[in-house]
Amino acid sequence: MKQIKLMCDAVCKSLRGKGTSRHRAFLRSTCAAAIRFLAFFLLFWGCSLLRASHPKAEERSRTAISKNATATGPFGEIVRGPRDKSEIALTFDAGADAECFEDLITALADAHVHSTFFVTGKFAQQHRDCAAEITKRAHEVGNHTWNHLNLTQQPDDIVREEITRAEIILNNSCGQDPKPRWRAPYGERDERVLKIATNLGYRSIYWTLDSLDGVEPVKTPQFLIDRVTGKSDAELDGAIILMHVGVRSTTEALPAIIADLQGRGFRLVTISKLLEAQKSVR
């Protein structure tokens, strides 16, 4: 662009003394307009190249899902990852009334495990430091709505508000966009709710195995250990396991569960990593 300006200046100098002053002023203004136009064109072209080479995170997530993942229904709800990668995703739901999870985060860090936390907006509002700690420790977040309501019992506008309101605070508190990861509270969803979530840019992440840590009566750590580790390798390969934040027995059982799964050769990963398509080897 500097060279273009120099060329325009040269043209104007060559015409100095030639023609009327009005003519020369017209040429100078024309050159200036040309410079502005070219600057705008180059800026637009550069930004287009940047967007093309760096697609949005949610776009990458939508296009990179493995063909071997198990999806159901008209909206492609994910219920498990590929069975051929020896990977498992431990996922943790943080409901509206959940307590903070320092011990849980520590247990994951000690085992060098990264997980996905489906967080409600209300939890993020009440426990901002804990919510921020998720991404600080290289975990990822998913949208679990604002108030943890049964969405099948709510009108369309409330369903949208629950999802979009949570999205805003999760972006602000965690510094990470939860899209396209979304999980319905209580796992309660129907075709109407799934359609609304899909139109908002989300994909429902259900589970393969429920640890039952959120179901009464309160489970003992040993129950949870047996519930997860008692499954065969074939049942666990690619599994998405549901656990909850703020449950003491879950935190106490977690080290033994992780040790068993890792000892059997499984890698414990985030949802995004689990669903990531493998690159073909030539």
Protein backbone atom coordinates (compact mmCIF):
# COMPACT_ATOMS: atom_id res chain seq x y z
CA MET A 1 0.00 0.00 0.00
CA LYS A 2 2.97 2.31 0.63
CA GLN A 3 4.12 1.72 -2.95
CA ILE A 4 0.66 2.65 -4.26
CA LYS A 5 0.76 5.93 -2.33
CA LEU A 6 4.21 6.71 -3.74
CA MET A 7 2.95 6.08 -7.27
CA CYS A 8 0.01 8.43 -6.74
CA ASP A 9 2.35 11.10 -5.38
CA ALA A 10 4.57 10.68 -8.41
CA VAL A 11 1.64 11.17 -10.76
CA CYS A 12 0.58 14.31 -8.94
CA LYS A 13 4.13 15.71 -9.05
CA SER A 14 4.44 14.97 -12.76
CA LEU A 15 1.32 17.01 -13.36
CA ARG A 16 2.45 19.91 -11.22
CA GLY A 17 2.21 23.05 -13.24
CA LYS A 18 0.08 21.36 -15.85
CA GLY A 19 -3.61 22.03 -16.13
CA THR A 20 -5.68 24.13 -13.79
CA SER A 21 -5.41 24.08 -10.01
CA ARG A 22 -8.91 22.61 -9.95
CA HIS A 23 -7.74 19.79 -12.20
CA ARG A 24 -4.75 19.05 -9.97
CA ALA A 25 -6.94 19.06 -6.85
CA PHE A 26 -9.25 16.58 -8.55
CA LEU A 27 -6.33 14.26 -9.29
CA ARG A 28 -5.11 14.42 -5.69
CA SER A 29 -8.55 13.60 -4.30
CA THR A 30 -8.89 10.75 -6.80
CA CYS A 31 -5.55 9.27 -5.68
CA ALA A 32 -6.56 9.55 -2.02
CA ALA A 33 -9.86 7.79 -2.71
CA ALA A 34 -8.01 5.05 -4.57
CA ILE A 35 -5.69 4.50 -1.60
CA ARG A 36 -8.63 4.24 0.80
CA PHE A 37 -10.41 1.77 -1.47
CA LEU A 38 -7.33 -0.42 -1.86
CA ALA A 39 -6.68 -0.33 1.89
CA PHE A 40 -10.23 -1.49 2.58
CA PHE A 41 -9.96 -4.20 -0.08
CA LEU A 42 -6.67 -5.56 1.33
CA LEU A 43 -8.04 -5.53 4.88
CA PHE A 44 -11.19 -7.40 3.83
CA TRP A 45 -9.17 -9.91 1.80
CA GLY A 46 -6.78 -10.54 4.71
CA CYS A 47 -9.62 -11.07 7.21
CA SER A 48 -11.30 -13.50 4.81
CA LEU A 49 -8.11 -15.54 4.60
CA LEU A 50 -7.77 -15.51 8.39
CA ARG A 51 -11.33 -16.75 8.91
CA ALA A 52 -10.83 -19.47 6.32
CA SER A 53 -7.63 -20.73 7.96
CA HIS A 54 -8.96 -20.44 11.53
CA PRO A 55 -12.61 -21.59 11.68
CA LYS A 56 -14.60 -21.05 14.85
CA ALA A 57 -14.22 -23.63 17.60
CA GLU A 58 -17.84 -24.72 17.35
CA GLU A 59 -17.50 -25.15 13.57
CA ARG A 60 -14.48 -27.40 14.10
CA SER A 61 -16.42 -29.36 16.72
CA ARG A 62 -19.35 -29.92 14.38
CA THR A 63 -17.28 -31.04 11.42
CA ALA A 64 -14.70 -33.17 13.25
CA ILE A 65 -16.99 -35.69 14.96
CA SER A 66 -15.92 -39.26 14.32
CA LYS A 67 -18.16 -41.31 12.06
CA ASN A 68 -17.82 -44.12 14.59
CA ALA A 69 -19.51 -42.17 17.39
CA THR A 70 -22.98 -43.38 18.30
CA ALA A 71 -25.68 -40.78 17.58
CA THR A 72 -29.43 -41.23 17.77
CA GLY A 73 -32.58 -39.44 16.65
CA PRO A 74 -33.19 -36.78 14.02
CA PHE A 75 -30.88 -34.29 15.76
CA GLY A 76 -27.88 -36.59 16.13
CA GLU A 77 -27.78 -36.78 19.91
CA ILE A 78 -24.47 -38.30 21.03
CA VAL A 79 -24.72 -41.27 23.40
CA ARG A 80 -21.19 -42.66 23.13
CA GLY A 81 -17.90 -42.11 21.34
CA PRO A 82 -16.05 -44.42 18.96
CA ARG A 83 -15.31 -47.90 20.25
CA ASP A 84 -11.96 -48.17 18.48
CA LYS A 85 -9.88 -45.51 20.30
CA SER A 86 -9.66 -46.93 23.86
CA GLU A 87 -10.97 -43.63 25.20
CA ILE A 88 -13.57 -42.80 27.84
CA ALA A 89 -15.06 -39.42 28.76
CA LEU A 90 -15.78 -38.79 32.44
CA THR A 91 -18.37 -36.00 32.51
CA PHE A 92 -19.55 -34.04 35.53
CA ASP A 93 -22.85 -32.18 35.80
CA ALA A 94 -22.90 -29.09 38.01
CA GLY A 95 -26.54 -28.43 38.80
CA ALA A 96 -28.04 -25.21 40.07
CA ASP A 97 -27.65 -26.25 43.72
CA ALA A 98 -24.29 -28.02 43.46
CA GLU A 99 -21.46 -27.12 45.78
CA CYS A 100 -17.94 -26.19 44.71
CA PHE A 101 -15.61 -29.01 43.65
CA GLU A 102 -12.04 -28.29 44.76
CA ASP A 103 -11.41 -31.91 45.83
CA LEU A 104 -12.83 -33.20 42.54
CA ILE A 105 -10.62 -30.93 40.46
CA THR A 106 -7.61 -31.97 42.54
CA ALA A 107 -8.34 -35.68 42.05
CA LEU A 108 -8.48 -35.18 38.28
CA ALA A 109 -5.28 -33.13 38.29
CA ASP A 110 -3.40 -35.73 40.34
CA ALA A 111 -4.25 -38.36 37.71
CA HIS A 112 -3.55 -35.97 34.76
CA VAL A 113 -7.12 -36.38 33.53
CA HIS A 114 -9.09 -33.80 31.57
CA SER A 115 -12.87 -33.94 31.63
CA THR A 116 -15.98 -32.10 30.47
CA PHE A 117 -18.14 -30.23 32.98
CA PHE A 118 -21.74 -29.48 32.07
CA VAL A 119 -22.35 -26.36 34.12
CA THR A 120 -25.55 -24.46 34.90
CA GLY A 121 -25.54 -20.68 34.69
CA LYS A 122 -26.69 -20.47 38.30
CA PHE A 123 -23.72 -22.55 39.47
CA ALA A 124 -21.34 -20.33 37.49
CA GLN A 125 -22.95 -17.23 39.01
CA GLN A 126 -22.72 -18.51 42.59
CA HIS A 127 -19.27 -20.12 42.25
CA ARG A 128 -17.38 -17.95 39.78
CA ASP A 129 -13.95 -19.00 41.02
CA CYS A 130 -14.82 -22.68 40.70
CA ALA A 131 -16.27 -22.17 37.23
CA ALA A 132 -13.14 -20.34 36.12
CA GLU A 133 -10.98 -23.15 37.53
CA ILE A 134 -12.47 -25.60 35.01
CA THR A 135 -10.73 -24.05 32.03
CA LYS A 136 -7.67 -23.02 34.02
CA ARG A 137 -7.06 -26.73 34.59
CA ALA A 138 -7.56 -27.48 30.86
CA HIS A 139 -10.99 -29.06 31.27
CA GLU A 140 -13.86 -28.01 29.03
CA VAL A 141 -17.37 -26.75 29.69
CA GLY A 142 -20.76 -27.65 28.30
CA ASN A 143 -24.09 -25.86 28.63
CA HIS A 144 -26.40 -27.35 31.29
CA THR A 145 -28.98 -24.49 31.13
CA TRP A 146 -29.46 -21.77 33.73
CA ASN A 147 -31.75 -23.16 36.45
CA HIS A 148 -31.63 -26.92 35.79
CA LEU A 149 -35.32 -27.10 34.95
CA ASN A 150 -37.08 -30.00 33.28
CA LEU A 151 -37.22 -28.43 29.83
CA THR A 152 -39.92 -30.77 28.55
CA GLN A 153 -42.31 -28.99 30.93
CA GLN A 154 -41.33 -25.48 29.80
CA PRO A 155 -42.61 -23.38 26.86
CA ASP A 156 -40.33 -22.66 23.92
CA ASP A 157 -39.30 -19.18 25.06
CA ILE A 158 -38.21 -20.44 28.48
CA VAL A 159 -36.20 -23.27 26.92
CA ARG A 160 -34.36 -20.76 24.72
CA GLU A 161 -33.77 -18.40 27.63
CA GLU A 162 -32.43 -21.21 29.85
CA ILE A 163 -29.86 -22.15 27.21
CA THR A 164 -28.83 -18.70 25.97
CA ARG A 165 -28.63 -17.15 29.43
CA ALA A 166 -26.31 -19.92 30.60
CA GLU A 167 -24.18 -19.51 27.47
CA ILE A 168 -23.48 -15.86 28.25
CA ILE A 169 -22.26 -16.40 31.81
CA LEU A 170 -20.21 -19.48 30.88
CA ASN A 171 -18.39 -17.47 28.24
CA ASN A 172 -17.71 -14.74 30.79
CA SER A 173 -16.87 -16.93 33.80
CA CYS A 174 -14.94 -19.72 32.10
CA GLY A 175 -13.56 -17.85 29.11
CA GLN A 176 -14.75 -20.69 26.85
CA ASP A 177 -17.73 -21.04 24.56
CA PRO A 178 -19.77 -24.11 25.60
CA LYS A 179 -21.06 -24.61 22.05
CA PRO A 180 -21.82 -27.10 20.70
CA ARG A 181 -21.82 -29.15 23.93
CA TRP A 182 -25.18 -29.22 25.71
CA ARG A 183 -26.84 -31.62 28.14
CA ALA A 184 -30.47 -31.45 29.24
CA PRO A 185 -31.11 -31.29 33.00
CA TYR A 186 -32.06 -34.73 34.40
CA GLY A 187 -31.53 -36.03 30.87
CA GLU A 188 -35.12 -34.95 30.19
CA ARG A 189 -35.52 -33.93 26.56
CA ASP A 190 -37.91 -34.55 23.72
CA GLU A 191 -37.88 -33.76 20.02
CA ARG A 192 -39.16 -30.20 20.61
CA VAL A 193 -36.42 -29.41 23.15
CA LEU A 194 -33.72 -31.01 21.00
CA LYS A 195 -34.86 -28.96 18.00
CA ILE A 196 -34.62 -25.72 19.96
CA ALA A 197 -31.14 -26.60 21.22
CA THR A 198 -30.03 -27.54 17.72
CA ASN A 199 -31.31 -24.26 16.29
CA LEU A 200 -29.25 -22.44 18.93
CA GLY A 201 -26.11 -24.18 17.70
CA TYR A 202 -25.91 -27.03 20.20
CA ARG A 203 -25.69 -30.80 20.02
CA SER A 204 -27.07 -32.90 22.84
CA ILE A 205 -24.51 -34.99 24.73
CA TYR A 206 -26.26 -37.79 26.61
CA TRP A 207 -24.39 -40.63 28.31
CA THR A 208 -23.54 -44.28 27.92
CA LEU A 209 -23.29 -45.10 31.62
CA ASP A 210 -24.95 -43.33 34.55
CA SER A 211 -22.91 -43.77 37.72
CA LEU A 212 -26.15 -43.17 39.67
CA ASP A 213 -24.32 -40.82 42.05
CA GLY A 214 -27.16 -38.32 41.63
CA VAL A 215 -29.95 -40.80 42.39
CA GLU A 216 -31.38 -41.43 45.88
CA PRO A 217 -30.50 -43.10 48.13
CA VAL A 218 -26.98 -41.67 48.50
CA LYS A 219 -24.47 -44.10 47.06
CA THR A 220 -21.31 -45.24 48.83
CA PRO A 221 -17.90 -44.76 47.17
CA GLN A 222 -17.62 -48.54 46.76
CA PHE A 223 -20.96 -48.70 44.96
CA LEU A 224 -19.74 -46.11 42.45
CA ILE A 225 -16.41 -47.87 41.98
CA ASP A 226 -18.14 -51.19 41.30
CA ARG A 227 -20.78 -49.55 39.10
CA VAL A 228 -18.13 -48.20 36.70
CA THR A 229 -15.20 -50.61 36.94
CA GLY A 230 -17.45 -53.68 36.90
CA LYS A 231 -18.18 -53.08 33.20
CA SER A 232 -16.23 -55.00 30.57
CA ASP A 233 -13.66 -53.32 28.32
CA ALA A 234 -16.06 -53.66 25.40
CA GLU A 235 -18.80 -51.87 27.35
CA LEU A 236 -16.47 -49.09 28.43
CA ASP A 237 -14.67 -48.41 25.15
CA GLY A 238 -15.96 -45.05 23.91
CA ALA A 239 -18.28 -44.64 26.89
CA ILE A 240 -19.53 -41.30 28.16
CA ILE A 241 -19.88 -41.65 31.94
CA LEU A 242 -22.21 -39.40 33.93
CA MET A 243 -21.13 -38.15 37.35
CA HIS A 244 -22.03 -35.11 39.42
CA VAL A 245 -20.32 -32.17 41.07
CA GLY A 246 -20.77 -31.71 44.80
CA VAL A 247 -21.26 -35.39 45.67
CA ARG A 248 -18.83 -36.47 48.39
CA SER A 249 -18.92 -40.18 47.49
CA THR A 250 -18.06 -39.35 43.87
CA THR A 251 -14.95 -37.43 44.88
CA GLU A 252 -13.89 -40.26 47.19
CA ALA A 253 -14.48 -42.94 44.54
CA LEU A 254 -12.83 -41.07 41.69
CA PRO A 255 -9.14 -41.96 42.34
CA ALA A 256 -9.92 -45.70 42.38
CA ILE A 257 -12.12 -45.44 39.27
CA ILE A 258 -9.45 -43.53 37.36
CA ALA A 259 -6.67 -45.90 38.44
CA ASP A 260 -8.68 -48.94 37.32
CA LEU A 261 -9.59 -47.51 33.93
CA GLN A 262 -6.10 -46.24 33.20
CA GLY A 263 -4.67 -49.57 34.33
CA ARG A 264 -6.82 -51.27 31.70
CA GLY A 265 -5.32 -49.08 28.99
CA PHE A 266 -8.07 -46.48 28.64
CA ARG A 267 -7.33 -42.80 28.08
CA LEU A 268 -9.69 -40.48 29.96
CA VAL A 269 -10.47 -37.49 27.76
CA THR A 270 -12.87 -34.60 27.19
CA ILE A 271 -15.99 -34.94 25.06
CA SER A 272 -14.35 -32.98 22.23
CA LYS A 273 -11.34 -35.29 22.24
CA LEU A 274 -13.51 -38.41 22.45
CA LEU A 275 -15.58 -37.40 19.44
CA GLU A 276 -12.66 -36.12 17.40
CA ALA A 277 -12.33 -37.81 14.04
CA GLN A 278 -9.11 -39.72 13.59
CA LYS A 279 -6.88 -38.49 10.79
CA SER A 280 -6.35 -41.05 8.08
CA VAL A 281 -2.81 -42.39 7.78
CA ARG A 282 -1.43 -42.77 4.28
